[in-house]
Amino acid sequence: MKKITALILCLLSIPAFAEDWYEDKNYTSTPKRDTYVGFRLHQNKHIAFGYEINDGANMTLKDDSFGVGLTVGNRLTNHVKIEFETLYTNGKERKYDTDFNFDIWANMLNVYIYQQFDGAVEPYAGIGIGLAGLWGNVNGGGLDMSESTADMTWSLMLGVNFALNDRIDLNVGVKYQNYGDLDFNNNGEAYASTEIDATEIYIGASYKFGLK
């Protein structure tokens, strides 16, 4: 809960902090109201499922997989933008003759600080917080468990945006995302919990409209 509170405070303070920082350095901060919609393809590098059996063994299941996402955003100023992102990903692993399957749908509110160079290259750093739907099933080894839940999710991002023209942007980046926790019950009793997180690389494109 402390981590979530700290992240919310960071999200609320980033726009004001960024504006003060750039104004102190005499940068212009006239709002640039371009809205965009976009698509992203994520590759999960070792998405990790920390499977912890109550009063028993612990193990970490890792899987390389792909995810897809859609974004809608707006540049609040020349150095700060805000974005809604919805994305789907999954993971599958077989261990000890048991199948572990997970599906994740996350909805994120992302805030970015960026700096544009020559109107074409734009490095950025971002933080996101949102809500993830988690679905999991564990079958084998005498177990047949299926559970679902919604949990808080958060992410940290670094990337570069490239303006191909006045309307189309290409962006590449890397991010860490903690998707949340999923608890499993077996025969009506708490049996295990899974913490899901991933280090991801992504590539995407966006279309800008409403430019001034």
C-alpha atoms as a PDB file:
ATOM      1  CA  MET A   1       0.000   0.000   0.000  1.00  0.00           C
ATOM      2  CA  LYS A   2       2.909   2.357   0.743  1.00  0.00           C
ATOM      3  CA  LYS A   3       4.308   1.790  -2.764  1.00  0.00           C
ATOM      4  CA  ILE A   4       0.939   2.565  -4.351  1.00  0.00           C
ATOM      5  CA  THR A   5       0.572   5.767  -2.291  1.00  0.00           C
ATOM      6  CA  ALA A   6       4.058   6.900  -3.274  1.00  0.00           C
ATOM      7  CA  LEU A   7       3.329   6.255  -6.949  1.00  0.00           C
ATOM      8  CA  ILE A   8       0.091   8.256  -6.820  1.00  0.00           C
ATOM      9  CA  LEU A   9       1.954  11.182  -5.245  1.00  0.00           C
ATOM     10  CA  CYS A  10       4.612  10.943  -7.975  1.00  0.00           C
ATOM     11  CA  LEU A  11       1.957  10.999 -10.690  1.00  0.00           C
ATOM     12  CA  LEU A  12       0.342  14.071  -9.193  1.00  0.00           C
ATOM     13  CA  SER A  13       3.626  15.932  -8.769  1.00  0.00           C
ATOM     14  CA  ILE A  14       5.350  15.181 -12.111  1.00  0.00           C
ATOM     15  CA  PRO A  15       3.555  17.833 -14.242  1.00  0.00           C
ATOM     16  CA  ALA A  16       4.145  20.659 -11.756  1.00  0.00           C
ATOM     17  CA  PHE A  17       7.752  19.618 -11.140  1.00  0.00           C
ATOM     18  CA  ALA A  18       8.522  19.442 -14.833  1.00  0.00           C
ATOM     19  CA  GLU A  19       7.009  22.835 -15.578  1.00  0.00           C
ATOM     20  CA  ASP A  20       8.926  24.506 -12.747  1.00  0.00           C
ATOM     21  CA  TRP A  21      12.174  22.875 -13.900  1.00  0.00           C
ATOM     22  CA  TYR A  22      11.837  23.982 -17.499  1.00  0.00           C
ATOM     23  CA  GLU A  23      10.628  27.470 -16.641  1.00  0.00           C
ATOM     24  CA  ASP A  24      13.676  27.956 -14.404  1.00  0.00           C
ATOM     25  CA  LYS A  25      15.831  27.188 -17.423  1.00  0.00           C
ATOM     26  CA  ASN A  26      13.896  29.674 -19.607  1.00  0.00           C
ATOM     27  CA  TYR A  27      12.369  27.028 -21.837  1.00  0.00           C
ATOM     28  CA  THR A  28       9.052  27.915 -23.399  1.00  0.00           C
ATOM     29  CA  SER A  29       6.124  25.951 -22.015  1.00  0.00           C
ATOM     30  CA  THR A  30       3.271  27.035 -24.266  1.00  0.00           C
ATOM     31  CA  PRO A  31       0.809  24.148 -24.412  1.00  0.00           C
ATOM     32  CA  LYS A  32       1.000  22.174 -27.623  1.00  0.00           C
ATOM     33  CA  ARG A  33      -2.437  20.585 -27.911  1.00  0.00           C
ATOM     34  CA  ASP A  34      -1.838  17.639 -30.193  1.00  0.00           C
ATOM     35  CA  THR A  35      -3.860  14.551 -29.402  1.00  0.00           C
ATOM     36  CA  TYR A  36      -2.813  11.132 -30.648  1.00  0.00           C
ATOM     37  CA  VAL A  37      -3.984   7.547 -30.914  1.00  0.00           C
ATOM     38  CA  GLY A  38      -1.547   4.688 -31.221  1.00  0.00           C
ATOM     39  CA  PHE A  39      -0.721   0.993 -31.262  1.00  0.00           C
ATOM     40  CA  ARG A  40       2.078  -0.835 -29.431  1.00  0.00           C
ATOM     41  CA  LEU A  41       3.568  -4.297 -29.648  1.00  0.00           C
ATOM     42  CA  HIS A  42       5.212  -5.489 -26.437  1.00  0.00           C
ATOM     43  CA  GLN A  43       7.703  -8.296 -25.995  1.00  0.00           C
ATOM     44  CA  ASN A  44       7.856  -9.594 -22.462  1.00  0.00           C
ATOM     45  CA  LYS A  45      11.431 -10.528 -21.626  1.00  0.00           C
ATOM     46  CA  HIS A  46      11.071 -13.100 -18.854  1.00  0.00           C
ATOM     47  CA  ILE A  47       7.633 -12.138 -17.583  1.00  0.00           C
ATOM     48  CA  ALA A  48       7.828 -13.601 -14.076  1.00  0.00           C
ATOM     49  CA  PHE A  49       5.139 -15.367 -12.091  1.00  0.00           C
ATOM     50  CA  GLY A  50       6.300 -15.688  -8.481  1.00  0.00           C
ATOM     51  CA  TYR A  51       4.288 -18.735  -7.392  1.00  0.00           C
ATOM     52  CA  GLU A  52       4.327 -19.058  -3.616  1.00  0.00           C
ATOM     53  CA  ILE A  53       2.575 -21.997  -1.966  1.00  0.00           C
ATOM     54  CA  ASN A  54       1.257 -21.235   1.507  1.00  0.00           C
ATOM     55  CA  ASP A  55       3.521 -22.971   4.042  1.00  0.00           C
ATOM     56  CA  GLY A  56       5.291 -24.694   1.171  1.00  0.00           C
ATOM     57  CA  ALA A  57       7.725 -24.348  -1.688  1.00  0.00           C
ATOM     58  CA  ASN A  58       8.251 -21.188  -3.733  1.00  0.00           C
ATOM     59  CA  MET A  59       9.206 -20.960  -7.397  1.00  0.00           C
ATOM     60  CA  THR A  60       9.387 -18.378 -10.130  1.00  0.00           C
ATOM     61  CA  LEU A  61       7.931 -19.232 -13.526  1.00  0.00           C
ATOM     62  CA  LYS A  62       9.349 -17.217 -16.442  1.00  0.00           C
ATOM     63  CA  ASP A  63       8.089 -16.942 -19.983  1.00  0.00           C
ATOM     64  CA  ASP A  64       8.911 -14.870 -23.068  1.00  0.00           C
ATOM     65  CA  SER A  65       5.718 -13.730 -24.759  1.00  0.00           C
ATOM     66  CA  PHE A  66       4.112 -10.886 -26.694  1.00  0.00           C
ATOM     67  CA  GLY A  67       1.420  -8.376 -25.827  1.00  0.00           C
ATOM     68  CA  VAL A  68      -0.556  -5.724 -27.690  1.00  0.00           C
ATOM     69  CA  GLY A  69      -1.711  -2.295 -26.566  1.00  0.00           C
ATOM     70  CA  LEU A  70      -3.690   0.752 -27.679  1.00  0.00           C
ATOM     71  CA  THR A  71      -2.995   4.312 -26.532  1.00  0.00           C
ATOM     72  CA  VAL A  72      -4.783   7.671 -26.514  1.00  0.00           C
ATOM     73  CA  GLY A  73      -2.846  10.697 -25.308  1.00  0.00           C
ATOM     74  CA  ASN A  74      -2.421  14.450 -25.275  1.00  0.00           C
ATOM     75  CA  ARG A  75       0.578  16.778 -24.893  1.00  0.00           C
ATOM     76  CA  LEU A  76      -0.356  19.000 -21.986  1.00  0.00           C
ATOM     77  CA  THR A  77       2.715  21.189 -22.537  1.00  0.00           C
ATOM     78  CA  ASN A  78       5.902  21.124 -24.578  1.00  0.00           C
ATOM     79  CA  HIS A  79       7.467  18.831 -21.989  1.00  0.00           C
ATOM     80  CA  VAL A  80       4.654  16.855 -20.348  1.00  0.00           C
ATOM     81  CA  LYS A  81       2.108  14.508 -21.856  1.00  0.00           C
ATOM     82  CA  ILE A  82      -0.556  12.250 -20.391  1.00  0.00           C
ATOM     83  CA  GLU A  83      -1.823   9.020 -21.893  1.00  0.00           C
ATOM     84  CA  PHE A  84      -4.362   6.231 -21.409  1.00  0.00           C
ATOM     85  CA  GLU A  85      -3.079   2.776 -22.376  1.00  0.00           C
ATOM     86  CA  THR A  86      -4.926  -0.525 -22.500  1.00  0.00           C
ATOM     87  CA  LEU A  87      -2.901  -3.678 -23.103  1.00  0.00           C
ATOM     88  CA  TYR A  88      -3.214  -7.451 -23.124  1.00  0.00           C
ATOM     89  CA  THR A  89      -0.523 -10.027 -22.458  1.00  0.00           C
ATOM     90  CA  ASN A  90      -0.235 -13.592 -21.199  1.00  0.00           C
ATOM     91  CA  GLY A  91       2.148 -16.264 -19.983  1.00  0.00           C
ATOM     92  CA  LYS A  92       2.287 -20.044 -20.134  1.00  0.00           C
ATOM     93  CA  GLU A  93       4.660 -22.445 -18.424  1.00  0.00           C
ATOM     94  CA  ARG A  94       4.789 -26.155 -17.659  1.00  0.00           C
ATOM     95  CA  LYS A  95       6.729 -27.284 -14.616  1.00  0.00           C
ATOM     96  CA  TYR A  96       6.635 -30.403 -12.457  1.00  0.00           C
ATOM     97  CA  ASP A  97       3.995 -31.870 -14.814  1.00  0.00           C
ATOM     98  CA  THR A  98       1.749 -28.911 -14.044  1.00  0.00           C
ATOM     99  CA  ASP A  99       0.452 -26.283 -16.496  1.00  0.00           C
ATOM    100  CA  PHE A 100       0.437 -22.652 -15.370  1.00  0.00           C
ATOM    101  CA  ASN A 101      -1.527 -20.241 -17.589  1.00  0.00           C
ATOM    102  CA  PHE A 102      -2.074 -16.528 -17.027  1.00  0.00           C
ATOM    103  CA  ASP A 103      -3.930 -13.811 -18.955  1.00  0.00           C
ATOM    104  CA  ILE A 104      -3.583 -10.121 -18.140  1.00  0.00           C
ATOM    105  CA  TRP A 105      -5.535  -7.065 -19.260  1.00  0.00           C
ATOM    106  CA  ALA A 106      -4.159  -3.802 -17.851  1.00  0.00           C
ATOM    107  CA  ASN A 107      -5.537  -0.275 -18.137  1.00  0.00           C
ATOM    108  CA  MET A 108      -2.967   2.421 -17.382  1.00  0.00           C
ATOM    109  CA  LEU A 109      -2.793   6.172 -16.851  1.00  0.00           C
ATOM    110  CA  ASN A 110       0.709   7.185 -17.976  1.00  0.00           C
ATOM    111  CA  VAL A 111       2.494  10.512 -17.463  1.00  0.00           C
ATOM    112  CA  TYR A 112       5.657  11.354 -19.425  1.00  0.00           C
ATOM    113  CA  ILE A 113       8.360  14.013 -19.247  1.00  0.00           C
ATOM    114  CA  TYR A 114      10.000  14.540 -22.638  1.00  0.00           C
ATOM    115  CA  GLN A 115      12.324  16.852 -24.526  1.00  0.00           C
ATOM    116  CA  GLN A 116      12.046  17.364 -28.280  1.00  0.00           C
ATOM    117  CA  PHE A 117      15.109  17.965 -30.459  1.00  0.00           C
ATOM    118  CA  ASP A 118      14.825  19.470 -33.960  1.00  0.00           C
ATOM    119  CA  GLY A 119      11.117  18.648 -33.978  1.00  0.00           C
ATOM    120  CA  ALA A 120      11.872  15.003 -34.738  1.00  0.00           C
ATOM    121  CA  VAL A 121      13.614  13.127 -31.889  1.00  0.00           C
ATOM    122  CA  GLU A 122      12.028  12.991 -28.454  1.00  0.00           C
ATOM    123  CA  PRO A 123      13.537  11.033 -25.531  1.00  0.00           C
ATOM    124  CA  TYR A 124      11.168  10.529 -22.599  1.00  0.00           C
ATOM    125  CA  ALA A 125      10.721   8.992 -19.163  1.00  0.00           C
ATOM    126  CA  GLY A 126       7.365   7.973 -17.765  1.00  0.00           C
ATOM    127  CA  ILE A 127       5.458   6.455 -14.902  1.00  0.00           C
ATOM    128  CA  GLY A 128       2.101   4.694 -15.042  1.00  0.00           C
ATOM    129  CA  ILE A 129      -0.522   3.460 -12.610  1.00  0.00           C
ATOM    130  CA  GLY A 130      -3.730   1.597 -13.269  1.00  0.00           C
ATOM    131  CA  LEU A 131      -5.901  -1.478 -12.766  1.00  0.00           C
ATOM    132  CA  ALA A 132      -5.197  -4.959 -14.144  1.00  0.00           C
ATOM    133  CA  GLY A 133      -7.540  -7.887 -14.624  1.00  0.00           C
ATOM    134  CA  LEU A 134      -5.689 -11.140 -13.867  1.00  0.00           C
ATOM    135  CA  TRP A 135      -6.846 -14.620 -14.854  1.00  0.00           C
ATOM    136  CA  GLY A 136      -4.922 -17.762 -13.971  1.00  0.00           C
ATOM    137  CA  ASN A 137      -5.316 -21.519 -13.925  1.00  0.00           C
ATOM    138  CA  VAL A 138      -3.088 -24.243 -12.552  1.00  0.00           C
ATOM    139  CA  ASN A 139      -3.713 -27.808 -13.723  1.00  0.00           C
ATOM    140  CA  GLY A 140      -1.719 -30.939 -12.930  1.00  0.00           C
ATOM    141  CA  GLY A 141      -0.007 -32.546  -9.992  1.00  0.00           C
ATOM    142  CA  GLY A 142      -3.354 -33.130  -8.308  1.00  0.00           C
ATOM    143  CA  LEU A 143      -4.344 -29.466  -8.722  1.00  0.00           C
ATOM    144  CA  ASP A 144      -7.149 -27.927 -10.755  1.00  0.00           C
ATOM    145  CA  MET A 145      -7.435 -24.258  -9.801  1.00  0.00           C
ATOM    146  CA  SER A 146      -8.845 -21.305 -11.733  1.00  0.00           C
ATOM    147  CA  GLU A 147      -8.976 -17.804 -10.269  1.00  0.00           C
ATOM    148  CA  SER A 148      -9.405 -14.211 -11.399  1.00  0.00           C
ATOM    149  CA  THR A 149      -9.079 -10.829  -9.738  1.00  0.00           C
ATOM    150  CA  ALA A 150      -8.457  -7.117 -10.325  1.00  0.00           C
ATOM    151  CA  ASP A 151      -5.389  -5.531  -8.774  1.00  0.00           C
ATOM    152  CA  MET A 152      -3.413  -2.290  -8.838  1.00  0.00           C
ATOM    153  CA  THR A 153      -0.645  -2.191 -11.451  1.00  0.00           C
ATOM    154  CA  TRP A 154       2.248   0.240 -11.987  1.00  0.00           C
ATOM    155  CA  SER A 155       5.068   0.773 -14.462  1.00  0.00           C
ATOM    156  CA  LEU A 156       8.244   2.763 -15.183  1.00  0.00           C
ATOM    157  CA  MET A 157       9.264   3.589 -18.776  1.00  0.00           C
ATOM    158  CA  LEU A 158      12.164   4.970 -20.807  1.00  0.00           C
ATOM    159  CA  GLY A 159      11.997   5.479 -24.564  1.00  0.00           C
ATOM    160  CA  VAL A 160      12.478   7.593 -27.657  1.00  0.00           C
ATOM    161  CA  ASN A 161       9.806   8.970 -29.959  1.00  0.00           C
ATOM    162  CA  PHE A 162      10.626   9.678 -33.632  1.00  0.00           C
ATOM    163  CA  ALA A 163       8.442  12.001 -35.736  1.00  0.00           C
ATOM    164  CA  LEU A 164       8.287  10.436 -39.206  1.00  0.00           C
ATOM    165  CA  ASN A 165       6.205  13.393 -40.419  1.00  0.00           C
ATOM    166  CA  ASP A 166       3.697  15.902 -39.019  1.00  0.00           C
ATOM    167  CA  ARG A 167       1.151  13.165 -38.373  1.00  0.00           C
ATOM    168  CA  ILE A 168       2.944   9.855 -37.765  1.00  0.00           C
ATOM    169  CA  ASP A 169       5.266   9.059 -34.846  1.00  0.00           C
ATOM    170  CA  LEU A 170       7.297   5.914 -34.190  1.00  0.00           C
ATOM    171  CA  ASN A 171       8.270   5.099 -30.601  1.00  0.00           C
ATOM    172  CA  VAL A 172      10.490   2.458 -29.021  1.00  0.00           C
ATOM    173  CA  GLY A 173      11.117   1.887 -25.340  1.00  0.00           C
ATOM    174  CA  VAL A 174      11.651  -0.374 -22.381  1.00  0.00           C
ATOM    175  CA  LYS A 175       9.587  -0.624 -19.235  1.00  0.00           C
ATOM    176  CA  TYR A 176       9.195  -2.490 -15.990  1.00  0.00           C
ATOM    177  CA  GLN A 177       5.626  -3.361 -15.048  1.00  0.00           C
ATOM    178  CA  ASN A 178       4.244  -4.915 -11.891  1.00  0.00           C
ATOM    179  CA  TYR A 179       0.853  -6.347 -12.828  1.00  0.00           C
ATOM    180  CA  GLY A 180      -0.268  -7.311  -9.323  1.00  0.00           C
ATOM    181  CA  ASP A 181      -1.049 -10.433  -7.310  1.00  0.00           C
ATOM    182  CA  LEU A 182      -3.387 -13.362  -7.895  1.00  0.00           C
ATOM    183  CA  ASP A 183      -4.450 -15.725  -5.075  1.00  0.00           C
ATOM    184  CA  PHE A 184      -5.421 -19.353  -5.641  1.00  0.00           C
ATOM    185  CA  ASN A 185      -7.827 -21.460  -3.586  1.00  0.00           C
ATOM    186  CA  ASN A 186      -7.834 -25.266  -3.539  1.00  0.00           C
ATOM    187  CA  ASN A 187     -10.901 -27.079  -2.203  1.00  0.00           C
ATOM    188  CA  GLY A 188     -12.136 -23.834  -0.666  1.00  0.00           C
ATOM    189  CA  GLU A 189      -8.910 -23.042   1.178  1.00  0.00           C
ATOM    190  CA  ALA A 190      -6.157 -20.538   0.405  1.00  0.00           C
ATOM    191  CA  TYR A 191      -3.387 -22.466  -1.339  1.00  0.00           C
ATOM    192  CA  ALA A 192      -0.949 -20.180  -3.182  1.00  0.00           C
ATOM    193  CA  SER A 193      -0.378 -16.643  -4.422  1.00  0.00           C
ATOM    194  CA  THR A 194       1.333 -15.344  -7.555  1.00  0.00           C
ATOM    195  CA  GLU A 195       3.015 -11.975  -8.053  1.00  0.00           C
ATOM    196  CA  ILE A 196       3.291 -11.052 -11.737  1.00  0.00           C
ATOM    197  CA  ASP A 197       5.841  -8.609 -13.110  1.00  0.00           C
ATOM    198  CA  ALA A 198       7.766  -8.147 -16.355  1.00  0.00           C
ATOM    199  CA  THR A 199      10.548  -6.261 -18.075  1.00  0.00           C
ATOM    200  CA  GLU A 200       9.281  -5.414 -21.544  1.00  0.00           C
ATOM    201  CA  ILE A 201      10.525  -3.819 -24.727  1.00  0.00           C
ATOM    202  CA  TYR A 202       8.008  -2.259 -27.091  1.00  0.00           C
ATOM    203  CA  ILE A 203       7.642  -0.607 -30.448  1.00  0.00           C
ATOM    204  CA  GLY A 204       4.663   1.423 -31.548  1.00  0.00           C
ATOM    205  CA  ALA A 205       3.234   4.019 -33.881  1.00  0.00           C
ATOM    206  CA  SER A 206       0.815   6.855 -33.307  1.00  0.00           C
ATOM    207  CA  TYR A 207      -1.280   9.220 -35.403  1.00  0.00           C
ATOM    208  CA  LYS A 208      -1.520  12.845 -34.280  1.00  0.00           C
ATOM    209  CA  PHE A 209      -4.497  15.107 -34.908  1.00  0.00           C
ATOM    210  CA  GLY A 210      -5.810  18.440 -33.695  1.00  0.00           C
ATOM    211  CA  LEU A 211      -2.406  20.040 -34.166  1.00  0.00           C
ATOM    212  CA  LYS A 212      -1.991  23.780 -33.599  1.00  0.00           C
END
